[in-house]
Amino acid sequence: MTNPIVGIVMGSDSDLPVMEQAAHQLESFDIPFEIRIISAHRAPREAFDFATSALGRGLKVVIAGAGGAAHLPGVIAGLTILPVIGVPIESSSLNGVDSLYSIVQMPSGVPVATVAVNAAKNAAILAAEILATSDNDLRQRLLDFKEKLELDVKGKDAKLQRLGWKDYK
């Protein structure tokens, strides 16, 4: 197996249904990745080891999902120079707004790119776009992906024009 270049980490196994969207998207782009459960609060030494060894292990981007206090993306960003993309996970109490604010409001000098609540798929696409700046083959796969998005919209519009809005299902 090829060495992973993207790390996907999450604070809890309850985050996996959201974070597996990133894994599926990275697979579709043929980007090797690793996926881990690492809690910034319950296993801080593991989070430290993951973040401080990521660059040396060949990772180029980290996607970090967390809910509630959502410190994992920021902790990792504080310990590595790799780009970190935070995925706020919807929580039961505040519907993910707490996670979003925790991830997006990082102090100066410790940036975390942040996607929408539960938007792990977009985090993977952003990771691919970052990687594609130095990978022509991946750049072409992304161009093909974007072209398919456009064709899908055009097909839906053609169907709407053909059927009309009342019969469009």
Protein backbone atom coordinates (compact mmCIF):
# COMPACT_ATOMS: atom_id res chain seq x y z
CA MET A 1 0.00 0.00 0.00
CA THR A 2 1.13 3.54 -0.74
CA ASN A 3 2.17 5.65 2.22
CA PRO A 4 -0.58 7.99 3.41
CA ILE A 5 -0.28 11.67 2.55
CA VAL A 6 -3.49 12.79 4.27
CA GLY A 7 -4.31 12.13 7.88
CA ILE A 8 -7.96 11.95 8.94
CA VAL A 9 -8.42 12.22 12.68
CA MET A 10 -11.49 12.51 14.84
CA GLY A 11 -12.09 12.98 18.52
CA SER A 12 -14.48 10.06 18.98
CA ASP A 13 -15.83 7.01 17.19
CA SER A 14 -19.21 8.78 17.16
CA ASP A 15 -17.63 11.15 14.59
CA LEU A 16 -16.92 8.32 12.15
CA PRO A 17 -20.24 8.52 10.23
CA VAL A 18 -19.31 12.10 9.27
CA MET A 19 -15.57 11.61 8.80
CA GLU A 20 -15.97 8.56 6.59
CA GLN A 21 -17.27 11.00 3.95
CA ALA A 22 -13.71 12.34 3.76
CA ALA A 23 -12.32 8.83 3.43
CA HIS A 24 -14.70 8.00 0.58
CA GLN A 25 -13.86 11.23 -1.25
CA LEU A 26 -10.11 10.74 -0.86
CA GLU A 27 -10.48 7.17 -2.14
CA SER A 28 -12.32 8.46 -5.21
CA PHE A 29 -9.31 10.71 -5.97
CA ASP A 30 -6.85 7.85 -5.30
CA ILE A 31 -5.25 9.77 -2.44
CA PRO A 32 -3.69 7.51 0.20
CA PHE A 33 -4.72 8.36 3.75
CA GLU A 34 -4.74 7.12 7.30
CA ILE A 35 -7.70 7.44 9.64
CA ARG A 36 -7.47 7.60 13.43
CA ILE A 37 -9.49 8.28 16.57
CA ILE A 38 -7.44 10.63 18.74
CA SER A 39 -8.93 12.78 21.47
CA ALA A 40 -7.27 16.06 22.38
CA HIS A 41 -8.79 15.78 25.85
CA ARG A 42 -8.90 12.06 26.67
CA ALA A 43 -5.62 11.09 24.95
CA PRO A 44 -3.53 14.27 24.73
CA ARG A 45 -0.21 12.41 24.50
CA GLU A 46 -1.54 10.49 21.47
CA ALA A 47 -2.66 13.76 19.87
CA PHE A 48 0.78 15.23 20.54
CA ASP A 49 2.55 12.19 19.06
CA PHE A 50 0.30 12.18 15.98
CA ALA A 51 0.77 15.89 15.28
CA THR A 52 4.50 16.08 15.92
CA SER A 53 5.25 12.99 13.82
CA ALA A 54 2.85 13.74 10.92
CA LEU A 55 5.31 15.63 8.71
CA GLY A 56 8.09 13.09 9.26
CA ARG A 57 5.71 10.24 8.40
CA GLY A 58 4.96 11.82 5.03
CA LEU A 59 1.60 13.43 5.67
CA LYS A 60 0.98 16.62 3.70
CA VAL A 61 -2.48 17.62 4.99
CA VAL A 62 -4.51 16.77 8.08
CA ILE A 63 -8.31 16.68 8.22
CA ALA A 64 -9.45 16.86 11.83
CA GLY A 65 -13.06 16.45 12.92
CA ALA A 66 -14.34 17.24 16.38
CA GLY A 67 -17.55 18.11 18.14
CA GLY A 68 -18.44 20.06 21.25
CA ALA A 69 -15.38 21.96 22.49
CA ALA A 70 -13.70 20.77 19.25
CA HIS A 71 -10.11 21.37 20.28
CA LEU A 72 -8.52 18.59 18.20
CA PRO A 73 -7.99 20.59 14.97
CA GLY A 74 -6.43 23.50 16.86
CA VAL A 75 -4.21 21.30 18.99
CA ILE A 76 -2.89 19.57 15.88
CA ALA A 77 -2.41 22.89 14.08
CA GLY A 78 -0.46 24.19 17.05
CA LEU A 79 1.93 21.24 16.86
CA THR A 80 2.63 20.96 13.11
CA ILE A 81 3.35 23.14 10.11
CA LEU A 82 1.07 21.03 7.91
CA PRO A 83 -2.21 22.54 6.72
CA VAL A 84 -5.05 21.43 9.00
CA ILE A 85 -8.65 21.39 7.80
CA GLY A 86 -11.18 21.35 10.62
CA VAL A 87 -14.55 19.64 10.34
CA PRO A 88 -17.00 20.80 12.99
CA ILE A 89 -19.15 17.84 14.02
CA GLU A 90 -22.78 18.44 14.89
CA SER A 91 -23.37 18.07 18.61
CA SER A 92 -26.61 17.33 20.36
CA SER A 93 -26.70 20.52 22.39
CA LEU A 94 -25.95 23.30 19.90
CA ASN A 95 -26.26 21.58 16.50
CA GLY A 96 -22.58 22.00 15.73
CA VAL A 97 -22.43 25.77 16.11
CA ASP A 98 -20.29 25.33 19.21
CA SER A 99 -17.89 23.12 17.24
CA LEU A 100 -17.82 25.57 14.33
CA TYR A 101 -16.93 28.51 16.58
CA SER A 102 -14.30 26.47 18.44
CA ILE A 103 -12.54 25.49 15.22
CA VAL A 104 -12.86 28.71 13.23
CA GLN A 105 -11.85 31.10 16.06
CA MET A 106 -8.17 30.18 16.23
CA PRO A 107 -5.60 32.61 17.60
CA SER A 108 -3.20 34.49 15.34
CA GLY A 109 -0.41 32.25 14.09
CA VAL A 110 -2.35 28.98 14.34
CA PRO A 111 -4.66 28.81 11.31
CA VAL A 112 -7.16 26.02 10.78
CA ALA A 113 -9.07 25.98 7.50
CA THR A 114 -12.65 25.22 8.45
CA VAL A 115 -15.49 23.75 6.44
CA ALA A 116 -19.20 23.69 7.24
CA VAL A 117 -20.67 21.57 10.00
CA ASN A 118 -20.44 17.87 9.06
CA ALA A 119 -18.84 18.75 5.69
CA ALA A 120 -16.06 16.16 5.74
CA LYS A 121 -16.50 15.60 1.99
CA ASN A 122 -15.61 19.26 1.35
CA ALA A 123 -12.62 18.91 3.66
CA ALA A 124 -11.35 16.06 1.48
CA ILE A 125 -11.91 18.08 -1.69
CA LEU A 126 -10.00 21.00 -0.15
CA ALA A 127 -7.18 18.64 0.85
CA ALA A 128 -7.08 17.35 -2.74
CA GLU A 129 -6.94 20.91 -4.07
CA ILE A 130 -4.00 21.68 -1.77
CA LEU A 131 -2.18 18.54 -2.90
CA ALA A 132 -2.96 19.21 -6.58
CA THR A 133 -0.82 22.35 -6.53
CA SER A 134 2.17 20.03 -6.89
CA ASP A 135 0.59 16.94 -8.51
CA ASN A 136 -0.48 17.18 -12.15
CA ASP A 137 -2.26 13.81 -12.17
CA LEU A 138 -4.36 14.77 -9.17
CA ARG A 139 -4.99 18.17 -10.74
CA GLN A 140 -6.54 16.39 -13.74
CA ARG A 141 -8.68 14.18 -11.50
CA LEU A 142 -9.97 17.32 -9.79
CA LEU A 143 -10.70 18.98 -13.13
CA ASP A 144 -12.64 15.87 -14.16
CA PHE A 145 -14.52 15.95 -10.83
CA LYS A 146 -15.47 19.61 -11.29
CA GLU A 147 -16.56 18.94 -14.88
CA LYS A 148 -18.83 16.13 -13.66
CA LEU A 149 -20.38 18.49 -11.09
CA GLU A 150 -21.15 20.94 -13.89
CA LEU A 151 -22.58 18.24 -16.15
CA ASP A 152 -24.80 16.99 -13.32
CA VAL A 153 -26.26 20.48 -12.82
CA LYS A 154 -26.79 20.94 -16.55
CA GLY A 155 -28.57 17.57 -16.71
CA LYS A 156 -30.87 18.52 -13.84
CA ASP A 157 -31.65 21.85 -15.49
CA ALA A 158 -32.42 20.11 -18.79
CA LYS A 159 -34.79 17.77 -16.95
CA LEU A 160 -36.47 20.75 -15.24
CA GLN A 161 -36.86 22.53 -18.58
CA ARG A 162 -38.27 19.37 -20.19
CA LEU A 163 -40.71 18.43 -17.39
CA GLY A 164 -41.47 21.80 -15.83
CA TRP A 165 -41.26 22.57 -12.14
CA LYS A 166 -44.56 20.88 -11.24
CA ASP A 167 -43.57 17.49 -12.66
CA TYR A 168 -39.90 17.55 -11.70
CA LYS A 169 -39.24 14.84 -9.16
